[in-house]
């Protein structure tokens, strides 16, 4: 057996979760908090049911104060072309939470046939997805 390869895959599973495993855990009532790390504007348009909005740029001790520290945190963003979930997962880990990043984000969640909620069920337009964690009304500094 290739021990390095086994360690790699074991490690990878410590930090990532796919939509099927996420949905199964949520449906089973496991202690999971799903965080949408995109902008609040993107969250309002479409989100995973039950998710909370904490744009990655705003993650802090104050914005996470009400989150159960024993919960598994699952962060997500739009999908493979966005890294807001990675940035959110990093910040949550820095704050001491147990975190996994949702593989494929909202796009793969929908691809697997799971429901979403919000004001839109369509795809976002280029440049409007909110992966930068900033509402379009905010300025980038």
Protein backbone atom coordinates (compact mmCIF):
# COMPACT_ATOMS: atom_id res chain seq x y z
CA UNK A 1 0.00 0.00 0.00
CA UNK A 2 1.05 3.53 -0.66
CA UNK A 3 0.93 5.07 2.83
CA UNK A 4 1.47 8.61 1.50
CA UNK A 5 -1.50 8.28 -0.78
CA UNK A 6 -3.70 6.89 2.00
CA UNK A 7 -2.70 9.76 4.31
CA UNK A 8 -3.45 12.26 1.52
CA UNK A 9 -6.98 10.96 0.94
CA UNK A 10 -7.71 10.64 4.65
CA UNK A 11 -6.56 14.22 5.12
CA UNK A 12 -8.62 15.46 2.18
CA UNK A 13 -11.78 13.94 3.65
CA UNK A 14 -11.09 15.82 6.90
CA UNK A 15 -11.52 19.15 5.08
CA UNK A 16 -14.03 18.58 2.27
CA UNK A 17 -17.60 17.31 2.04
CA UNK A 18 -19.72 16.72 -1.05
CA UNK A 19 -23.36 17.70 -1.49
CA UNK A 20 -24.66 14.15 -0.97
CA UNK A 21 -22.85 13.70 2.37
CA UNK A 22 -23.89 17.21 3.45
CA UNK A 23 -27.56 16.65 2.63
CA UNK A 24 -27.54 13.23 4.30
CA UNK A 25 -26.03 14.70 7.48
CA UNK A 26 -28.50 17.60 7.51
CA UNK A 27 -31.44 15.23 6.95
CA UNK A 28 -30.16 13.00 9.76
CA UNK A 29 -30.25 15.96 12.15
CA UNK A 30 -26.50 16.08 12.70
CA UNK A 31 -25.13 19.21 14.35
CA UNK A 32 -24.17 21.14 11.20
CA UNK A 33 -24.16 24.86 10.48
CA UNK A 34 -24.08 25.69 6.77
CA UNK A 35 -22.49 29.06 6.02
CA UNK A 36 -22.85 30.87 2.71
CA UNK A 37 -19.57 32.77 2.43
CA UNK A 38 -20.69 34.87 -0.56
CA UNK A 39 -22.11 38.38 -0.35
CA UNK A 40 -25.44 38.96 1.39
CA UNK A 41 -26.82 39.99 -2.01
CA UNK A 42 -25.91 36.61 -3.55
CA UNK A 43 -27.32 34.83 -0.49
CA UNK A 44 -30.66 36.63 -0.94
CA UNK A 45 -30.82 35.54 -4.59
CA UNK A 46 -30.27 31.84 -3.94
CA UNK A 47 -28.99 29.69 -1.11
CA UNK A 48 -29.00 26.24 0.43
CA UNK A 49 -32.07 25.93 2.69
CA UNK A 50 -31.19 26.61 6.32
CA UNK A 51 -27.85 28.23 5.48
CA UNK A 52 -26.79 31.42 7.21
CA UNK A 53 -25.08 34.30 5.48
CA UNK A 54 -21.67 35.34 6.72
CA UNK A 55 -19.68 36.82 3.82
CA UNK A 56 -16.08 35.65 4.16
CA UNK A 57 -14.80 39.22 4.48
CA UNK A 58 -16.97 39.73 7.57
CA UNK A 59 -16.14 36.55 9.48
CA UNK A 60 -14.95 37.54 12.95
CA UNK A 61 -15.36 36.69 16.61
CA UNK A 62 -18.35 39.05 16.67
CA UNK A 63 -20.15 37.70 13.58
CA UNK A 64 -19.72 34.09 14.71
CA UNK A 65 -20.53 34.61 18.39
CA UNK A 66 -23.90 32.86 18.16
CA UNK A 67 -22.63 29.76 16.35
CA UNK A 68 -22.43 26.48 18.25
CA UNK A 69 -18.74 25.66 18.58
CA UNK A 70 -19.46 21.94 18.74
CA UNK A 71 -21.16 22.00 15.31
CA UNK A 72 -19.51 21.01 12.07
CA UNK A 73 -19.32 24.14 9.94
CA UNK A 74 -19.83 23.64 6.19
CA UNK A 75 -18.90 26.63 4.06
CA UNK A 76 -19.95 27.12 0.47
CA UNK A 77 -19.95 29.61 -2.37
CA UNK A 78 -21.05 29.42 -6.01
CA UNK A 79 -18.80 26.60 -7.07
CA UNK A 80 -15.55 25.62 -8.64
CA UNK A 81 -14.82 29.07 -10.07
CA UNK A 82 -15.21 30.79 -6.71
CA UNK A 83 -13.03 30.62 -3.61
CA UNK A 84 -15.25 32.39 -1.07
CA UNK A 85 -15.92 29.03 0.60
CA UNK A 86 -12.19 28.42 0.96
CA UNK A 87 -11.65 31.88 2.42
CA UNK A 88 -14.63 31.39 4.75
CA UNK A 89 -13.41 27.96 5.85
CA UNK A 90 -9.96 29.38 6.55
CA UNK A 91 -11.36 32.19 8.71
CA UNK A 92 -13.68 29.83 10.59
CA UNK A 93 -10.76 27.45 11.24
CA UNK A 94 -8.65 30.37 12.47
CA UNK A 95 -11.46 31.10 14.95
CA UNK A 96 -11.30 27.52 16.23
CA UNK A 97 -14.29 25.98 14.47
CA UNK A 98 -14.33 22.49 12.95
CA UNK A 99 -14.88 23.20 9.25
CA UNK A 100 -15.39 21.45 5.95
CA UNK A 101 -15.72 23.06 2.55
CA UNK A 102 -18.61 21.99 0.31
CA UNK A 103 -17.13 20.54 -2.89
CA UNK A 104 -18.63 22.25 -5.93
CA UNK A 105 -20.58 24.77 -3.86
CA UNK A 106 -24.11 25.81 -4.72
CA UNK A 107 -23.69 24.72 -8.34
CA UNK A 108 -22.98 21.08 -7.48
CA UNK A 109 -25.64 21.15 -4.74
CA UNK A 110 -28.17 22.00 -7.47
CA UNK A 111 -26.57 19.56 -9.94
CA UNK A 112 -27.25 16.77 -7.42
CA UNK A 113 -30.91 17.80 -7.46
CA UNK A 114 -31.14 19.39 -4.02
CA UNK A 115 -33.46 22.36 -3.46
CA UNK A 116 -32.49 25.97 -3.02
CA UNK A 117 -34.38 28.96 -1.70
CA UNK A 118 -34.25 32.67 -2.37
CA UNK A 119 -35.50 35.18 -4.89
CA UNK A 120 -33.94 33.45 -7.91
CA UNK A 121 -33.37 29.87 -8.89
CA UNK A 122 -31.30 30.63 -11.98
CA UNK A 123 -27.60 30.93 -12.53
CA UNK A 124 -25.89 34.15 -11.60
CA UNK A 125 -24.56 36.47 -14.23
CA UNK A 126 -20.84 36.88 -14.72
CA UNK A 127 -19.49 39.26 -12.12
CA UNK A 128 -22.62 39.19 -9.97
CA UNK A 129 -22.19 35.97 -8.02
CA UNK A 130 -20.87 37.58 -4.86
CA UNK A 131 -17.87 35.32 -4.46
CA UNK A 132 -15.79 38.29 -3.41
CA UNK A 133 -18.03 38.65 -0.36
CA UNK A 134 -18.92 42.21 -1.29
CA UNK A 135 -22.37 43.50 -2.19
CA UNK A 136 -22.46 45.36 -5.50
CA UNK A 137 -23.40 48.49 -3.55
CA UNK A 138 -20.13 48.34 -1.58
CA UNK A 139 -16.83 49.63 -2.80
CA UNK A 140 -13.76 47.46 -3.03
CA UNK A 141 -10.73 48.73 -1.17
